[in-house]
C-alpha atoms as a PDB file:
ATOM      1  CA  UNK A   1      70.187 121.565 127.646  1.00  0.00           C
ATOM      2  CA  UNK A   2      72.698 123.270 125.412  1.00  0.00           C
ATOM      3  CA  UNK A   3      76.328 122.981 124.445  1.00  0.00           C
ATOM      4  CA  UNK A   4      79.012 125.198 125.992  1.00  0.00           C
ATOM      5  CA  UNK A   5      81.354 126.791 123.451  1.00  0.00           C
ATOM      6  CA  UNK A   6      84.438 128.736 124.522  1.00  0.00           C
ATOM      7  CA  UNK A   7      85.438 132.226 123.385  1.00  0.00           C
ATOM      8  CA  UNK A   8      87.110 132.396 119.994  1.00  0.00           C
ATOM      9  CA  UNK A   9      85.882 128.972 118.883  1.00  0.00           C
ATOM     10  CA  UNK A  10      84.702 128.770 115.275  1.00  0.00           C
ATOM     11  CA  UNK A  11      82.137 126.215 114.110  1.00  0.00           C
ATOM     12  CA  UNK A  12      81.746 125.834 110.347  1.00  0.00           C
ATOM     13  CA  UNK A  13      78.506 125.243 108.480  1.00  0.00           C
ATOM     14  CA  UNK A  14      76.707 121.896 108.626  1.00  0.00           C
ATOM     15  CA  UNK A  15      78.581 120.889 111.799  1.00  0.00           C
ATOM     16  CA  UNK A  16      76.446 119.411 114.570  1.00  0.00           C
ATOM     17  CA  UNK A  17      77.325 120.059 118.209  1.00  0.00           C
ATOM     18  CA  UNK A  18      74.955 118.121 120.467  1.00  0.00           C
ATOM     19  CA  UNK A  19      73.522 119.040 123.859  1.00  0.00           C
ATOM     20  CA  UNK A  20      75.824 118.940 126.865  1.00  0.00           C
ATOM     21  CA  UNK A  21      78.951 118.978 124.710  1.00  0.00           C
ATOM     22  CA  UNK A  22      81.692 121.323 125.914  1.00  0.00           C
ATOM     23  CA  UNK A  23      84.231 122.921 123.601  1.00  0.00           C
ATOM     24  CA  UNK A  24      87.069 125.046 124.949  1.00  0.00           C
ATOM     25  CA  UNK A  25      88.453 128.351 123.725  1.00  0.00           C
ATOM     26  CA  UNK A  26      89.974 129.009 120.300  1.00  0.00           C
ATOM     27  CA  UNK A  27      88.931 125.719 118.690  1.00  0.00           C
ATOM     28  CA  UNK A  28      87.916 125.062 115.096  1.00  0.00           C
ATOM     29  CA  UNK A  29      85.140 122.573 114.293  1.00  0.00           C
ATOM     30  CA  UNK A  30      85.109 121.882 110.555  1.00  0.00           C
ATOM     31  CA  UNK A  31      82.304 121.601 108.042  1.00  0.00           C
ATOM     32  CA  UNK A  32      80.008 118.646 108.611  1.00  0.00           C
ATOM     33  CA  UNK A  33      81.722 117.498 111.806  1.00  0.00           C
ATOM     34  CA  UNK A  34      79.666 115.760 114.491  1.00  0.00           C
ATOM     35  CA  UNK A  35      80.316 116.356 118.210  1.00  0.00           C
ATOM     36  CA  UNK A  36      78.216 114.000 120.356  1.00  0.00           C
ATOM     37  CA  UNK A  37      76.189 114.751 123.447  1.00  0.00           C
ATOM     38  CA  UNK A  38      78.422 115.190 126.472  1.00  0.00           C
ATOM     39  CA  UNK A  39      81.709 115.152 124.519  1.00  0.00           C
ATOM     40  CA  UNK A  40      84.416 117.216 126.234  1.00  0.00           C
ATOM     41  CA  UNK A  41      86.894 119.144 124.065  1.00  0.00           C
ATOM     42  CA  UNK A  42      89.707 121.249 125.501  1.00  0.00           C
ATOM     43  CA  UNK A  43      91.075 124.537 124.164  1.00  0.00           C
ATOM     44  CA  UNK A  44      93.076 125.084 120.968  1.00  0.00           C
ATOM     45  CA  UNK A  45      91.752 121.945 119.268  1.00  0.00           C
ATOM     46  CA  UNK A  46      91.149 121.467 115.544  1.00  0.00           C
ATOM     47  CA  UNK A  47      88.451 119.063 114.410  1.00  0.00           C
ATOM     48  CA  UNK A  48      88.506 118.854 110.641  1.00  0.00           C
ATOM     49  CA  UNK A  49      85.671 118.426 108.135  1.00  0.00           C
ATOM     50  CA  UNK A  50      83.378 115.398 108.450  1.00  0.00           C
ATOM     51  CA  UNK A  51      85.025 114.098 111.650  1.00  0.00           C
ATOM     52  CA  UNK A  52      82.717 112.088 113.930  1.00  0.00           C
ATOM     53  CA  UNK A  53      83.411 112.435 117.662  1.00  0.00           C
ATOM     54  CA  UNK A  54      80.918 110.230 119.504  1.00  0.00           C
ATOM     55  CA  UNK A  55      80.128 110.527 123.189  1.00  0.00           C
ATOM     56  CA  UNK A  56      81.648 110.107 125.719  1.00  0.00           C
ATOM     57  CA  UNK A  57      84.918 111.119 123.994  1.00  0.00           C
ATOM     58  CA  UNK A  58      87.352 113.417 125.807  1.00  0.00           C
ATOM     59  CA  UNK A  59      89.831 115.539 123.873  1.00  0.00           C
ATOM     60  CA  UNK A  60      92.373 117.433 125.958  1.00  0.00           C
ATOM     61  CA  UNK A  61      93.985 120.752 124.922  1.00  0.00           C
ATOM     62  CA  UNK A  62      95.750 121.113 121.591  1.00  0.00           C
ATOM     63  CA  UNK A  63      94.340 117.983 119.915  1.00  0.00           C
ATOM     64  CA  UNK A  64      94.152 117.663 116.110  1.00  0.00           C
ATOM     65  CA  UNK A  65      91.434 115.452 114.606  1.00  0.00           C
ATOM     66  CA  UNK A  66      91.883 115.046 110.844  1.00  0.00           C
ATOM     67  CA  UNK A  67      89.221 114.959 108.133  1.00  0.00           C
ATOM     68  CA  UNK A  68      86.708 112.090 108.394  1.00  0.00           C
ATOM     69  CA  UNK A  69      88.236 110.641 111.581  1.00  0.00           C
ATOM     70  CA  UNK A  70      85.843 108.450 113.592  1.00  0.00           C
ATOM     71  CA  UNK A  71      86.023 108.073 117.389  1.00  0.00           C
ATOM     72  CA  UNK A  72      83.622 105.204 118.174  1.00  0.00           C
ATOM     73  CA  UNK A  73      81.647 104.532 121.354  1.00  0.00           C
ATOM     74  CA  UNK A  74      80.224 100.990 121.261  1.00  0.00           C
ATOM     75  CA  UNK A  75      82.311  97.869 121.920  1.00  0.00           C
ATOM     76  CA  UNK A  76      79.692  95.444 120.554  1.00  0.00           C
ATOM     77  CA  UNK A  77      77.442  97.410 118.172  1.00  0.00           C
ATOM     78  CA  UNK A  78      74.023  96.061 117.230  1.00  0.00           C
ATOM     79  CA  UNK A  79      70.870  97.815 116.044  1.00  0.00           C
ATOM     80  CA  UNK A  80      68.602  95.265 117.730  1.00  0.00           C
ATOM     81  CA  UNK A  81      68.497  93.123 120.854  1.00  0.00           C
ATOM     82  CA  UNK A  82      68.565  89.297 120.576  1.00  0.00           C
ATOM     83  CA  UNK A  83      64.730  89.302 120.582  1.00  0.00           C
ATOM     84  CA  UNK A  84      64.686  91.589 117.541  1.00  0.00           C
ATOM     85  CA  UNK A  85      63.536  94.741 119.339  1.00  0.00           C
ATOM     86  CA  UNK A  86      65.270  98.003 118.481  1.00  0.00           C
ATOM     87  CA  UNK A  87      68.024  98.842 120.955  1.00  0.00           C
ATOM     88  CA  UNK A  88      67.498 101.900 123.125  1.00  0.00           C
ATOM     89  CA  UNK A  89      69.987 103.944 125.152  1.00  0.00           C
ATOM     90  CA  UNK A  90      69.366 101.618 128.112  1.00  0.00           C
ATOM     91  CA  UNK A  91      70.417  98.535 126.112  1.00  0.00           C
ATOM     92  CA  UNK A  92      74.112  99.343 125.765  1.00  0.00           C
ATOM     93  CA  UNK A  93      76.969 100.992 127.600  1.00  0.00           C
ATOM     94  CA  UNK A  94      78.828 103.849 125.934  1.00  0.00           C
ATOM     95  CA  UNK A  95      82.610 103.694 126.055  1.00  0.00           C
ATOM     96  CA  UNK A  96      84.805 106.515 124.880  1.00  0.00           C
ATOM     97  CA  UNK A  97      88.051 107.481 123.258  1.00  0.00           C
ATOM     98  CA  UNK A  98      90.383 109.752 125.239  1.00  0.00           C
ATOM     99  CA  UNK A  99      92.857 111.854 123.272  1.00  0.00           C
ATOM    100  CA  UNK A 100      95.564 113.393 125.452  1.00  0.00           C
ATOM    101  CA  UNK A 101      97.099 116.869 125.028  1.00  0.00           C
ATOM    102  CA  UNK A 102      98.865 117.654 121.779  1.00  0.00           C
ATOM    103  CA  UNK A 103      98.000 114.372 120.038  1.00  0.00           C
ATOM    104  CA  UNK A 104      97.129 114.225 116.323  1.00  0.00           C
ATOM    105  CA  UNK A 105      94.908 111.765 114.495  1.00  0.00           C
ATOM    106  CA  UNK A 106      95.281 111.671 110.701  1.00  0.00           C
ATOM    107  CA  UNK A 107      92.579 111.684 108.039  1.00  0.00           C
ATOM    108  CA  UNK A 108      90.111 108.773 107.964  1.00  0.00           C
ATOM    109  CA  UNK A 109      91.664 107.045 110.982  1.00  0.00           C
ATOM    110  CA  UNK A 110      89.276 105.108 113.205  1.00  0.00           C
ATOM    111  CA  UNK A 111      89.743 104.758 116.964  1.00  0.00           C
ATOM    112  CA  UNK A 112      87.801 101.808 118.398  1.00  0.00           C
ATOM    113  CA  UNK A 113      86.668 102.640 121.941  1.00  0.00           C
ATOM    114  CA  UNK A 114      87.744 102.245 124.619  1.00  0.00           C
ATOM    115  CA  UNK A 115      91.263 103.497 123.840  1.00  0.00           C
ATOM    116  CA  UNK A 116      93.561 106.283 125.019  1.00  0.00           C
ATOM    117  CA  UNK A 117      95.749 108.167 122.553  1.00  0.00           C
ATOM    118  CA  UNK A 118      98.747 109.440 124.537  1.00  0.00           C
ATOM    119  CA  UNK A 119     100.045 112.999 124.745  1.00  0.00           C
ATOM    120  CA  UNK A 120     101.799 114.220 121.592  1.00  0.00           C
ATOM    121  CA  UNK A 121     101.214 110.865 119.849  1.00  0.00           C
ATOM    122  CA  UNK A 122     100.466 110.739 116.125  1.00  0.00           C
ATOM    123  CA  UNK A 123      98.021 108.319 114.511  1.00  0.00           C
ATOM    124  CA  UNK A 124      98.712 108.027 110.774  1.00  0.00           C
ATOM    125  CA  UNK A 125      95.999 108.616 108.209  1.00  0.00           C
ATOM    126  CA  UNK A 126      93.838 105.540 107.622  1.00  0.00           C
ATOM    127  CA  UNK A 127      95.003 103.706 110.747  1.00  0.00           C
ATOM    128  CA  UNK A 128      92.626 101.636 112.868  1.00  0.00           C
ATOM    129  CA  UNK A 129      93.480 102.019 116.554  1.00  0.00           C
ATOM    130  CA  UNK A 130      92.369  99.050 118.668  1.00  0.00           C
ATOM    131  CA  UNK A 131      94.585  99.523 121.739  1.00  0.00           C
ATOM    132  CA  UNK A 132      96.092 102.365 123.751  1.00  0.00           C
ATOM    133  CA  UNK A 133      98.795 104.470 122.094  1.00  0.00           C
ATOM    134  CA  UNK A 134     101.724 105.607 124.290  1.00  0.00           C
ATOM    135  CA  UNK A 135     102.776 109.259 124.628  1.00  0.00           C
ATOM    136  CA  UNK A 136     104.917 110.407 121.647  1.00  0.00           C
ATOM    137  CA  UNK A 137     104.231 107.200 119.663  1.00  0.00           C
ATOM    138  CA  UNK A 138     103.810 107.223 115.890  1.00  0.00           C
ATOM    139  CA  UNK A 139     101.336 104.488 114.938  1.00  0.00           C
ATOM    140  CA  UNK A 140     100.120 103.329 111.521  1.00  0.00           C
ATOM    141  CA  UNK A 141      98.343 100.424 109.872  1.00  0.00           C
ATOM    142  CA  UNK A 142      95.378  98.132 110.393  1.00  0.00           C
ATOM    143  CA  UNK A 143      95.497  97.416 113.250  1.00  0.00           C
ATOM    144  CA  UNK A 144      97.708 100.341 114.244  1.00  0.00           C
ATOM    145  CA  UNK A 145     101.205  99.465 115.459  1.00  0.00           C
ATOM    146  CA  UNK A 146     104.008 101.707 116.695  1.00  0.00           C
ATOM    147  CA  UNK A 147     106.407 102.446 113.835  1.00  0.00           C
ATOM    148  CA  UNK A 148     108.418 105.181 115.520  1.00  0.00           C
ATOM    149  CA  UNK A 149     108.399 108.146 117.871  1.00  0.00           C
ATOM    150  CA  UNK A 150     107.482 111.799 117.319  1.00  0.00           C
ATOM    151  CA  UNK A 151     108.312 114.895 119.327  1.00  0.00           C
ATOM    152  CA  UNK A 152     106.069 117.768 120.308  1.00  0.00           C
ATOM    153  CA  UNK A 153     106.724 119.330 116.874  1.00  0.00           C
ATOM    154  CA  UNK A 154     105.082 116.278 115.269  1.00  0.00           C
ATOM    155  CA  UNK A 155     108.251 115.357 113.378  1.00  0.00           C
ATOM    156  CA  UNK A 156     109.619 111.776 113.588  1.00  0.00           C
ATOM    157  CA  UNK A 157     112.501 111.586 116.049  1.00  0.00           C
ATOM    158  CA  UNK A 158     115.997 110.479 115.100  1.00  0.00           C
ATOM    159  CA  UNK A 159     117.915 108.041 117.284  1.00  0.00           C
ATOM    160  CA  UNK A 160     121.504 108.762 118.271  1.00  0.00           C
ATOM    161  CA  UNK A 161     123.920 107.412 120.897  1.00  0.00           C
ATOM    162  CA  UNK A 162     122.220 109.412 123.662  1.00  0.00           C
ATOM    163  CA  UNK A 163     118.603 108.510 122.866  1.00  0.00           C
ATOM    164  CA  UNK A 164     116.187 110.329 120.583  1.00  0.00           C
ATOM    165  CA  UNK A 165     116.290 113.887 119.233  1.00  0.00           C
ATOM    166  CA  UNK A 166     113.832 116.080 117.349  1.00  0.00           C
ATOM    167  CA  UNK A 167     115.505 117.280 114.128  1.00  0.00           C
ATOM    168  CA  UNK A 168     113.382 120.457 114.204  1.00  0.00           C
ATOM    169  CA  UNK A 169     113.587 121.644 117.813  1.00  0.00           C
ATOM    170  CA  UNK A 170     116.636 119.772 119.145  1.00  0.00           C
ATOM    171  CA  UNK A 171     114.511 118.546 122.062  1.00  0.00           C
ATOM    172  CA  UNK A 172     115.881 115.291 123.510  1.00  0.00           C
ATOM    173  CA  UNK A 173     113.954 112.197 124.608  1.00  0.00           C
ATOM    174  CA  UNK A 174     114.795 108.983 126.443  1.00  0.00           C
ATOM    175  CA  UNK A 175     113.149 105.601 125.832  1.00  0.00           C
ATOM    176  CA  UNK A 176     112.455 103.349 128.795  1.00  0.00           C
ATOM    177  CA  UNK A 177     110.257 100.227 128.784  1.00  0.00           C
ATOM    178  CA  UNK A 178     108.584 101.039 125.438  1.00  0.00           C
ATOM    179  CA  UNK A 179     107.788 104.559 126.698  1.00  0.00           C
ATOM    180  CA  UNK A 180     109.329 107.879 125.779  1.00  0.00           C
ATOM    181  CA  UNK A 181     109.959 110.831 128.068  1.00  0.00           C
ATOM    182  CA  UNK A 182     111.393 114.299 127.570  1.00  0.00           C
ATOM    183  CA  UNK A 183     114.926 114.704 128.926  1.00  0.00           C
ATOM    184  CA  UNK A 184     115.015 117.710 131.254  1.00  0.00           C
END
């Protein structure tokens, strides 16, 4: 049993990549990061120093995980069973965090599994995510709440008469039922 690491991926010192983890091409895994057994990471991802990505997390392509981010995997954590015996792998069910393409999670944020972070969403530093985050959402706080929208450039969008626009790229977006979509 070994991990699969794609071409061009760089893993810094003191990082731990467990058995059966898969990491795509051209990724960076920072110093002291932990990648759990069976975690799946796409290509072009950045996992910063001291981040903890517990199994069975799935990170799609182009995901940014900031320094000291924690992706949890246990809904009801306990070290022991009700009878006082030490829990084993058979005594609990792992649940994971899914981070969709292009999403970013800021430093020291915690994502409480099971949650899905939508494509191109941004989780602010220090946030605690306890429920799914829509595509393009900007969330912050404890617990995390949507405070705005971001575009693919990661910059907060500006609202105008025709919807939302990225001030950097000019890309336009339309909001419908608390969801955002790119205008073709």
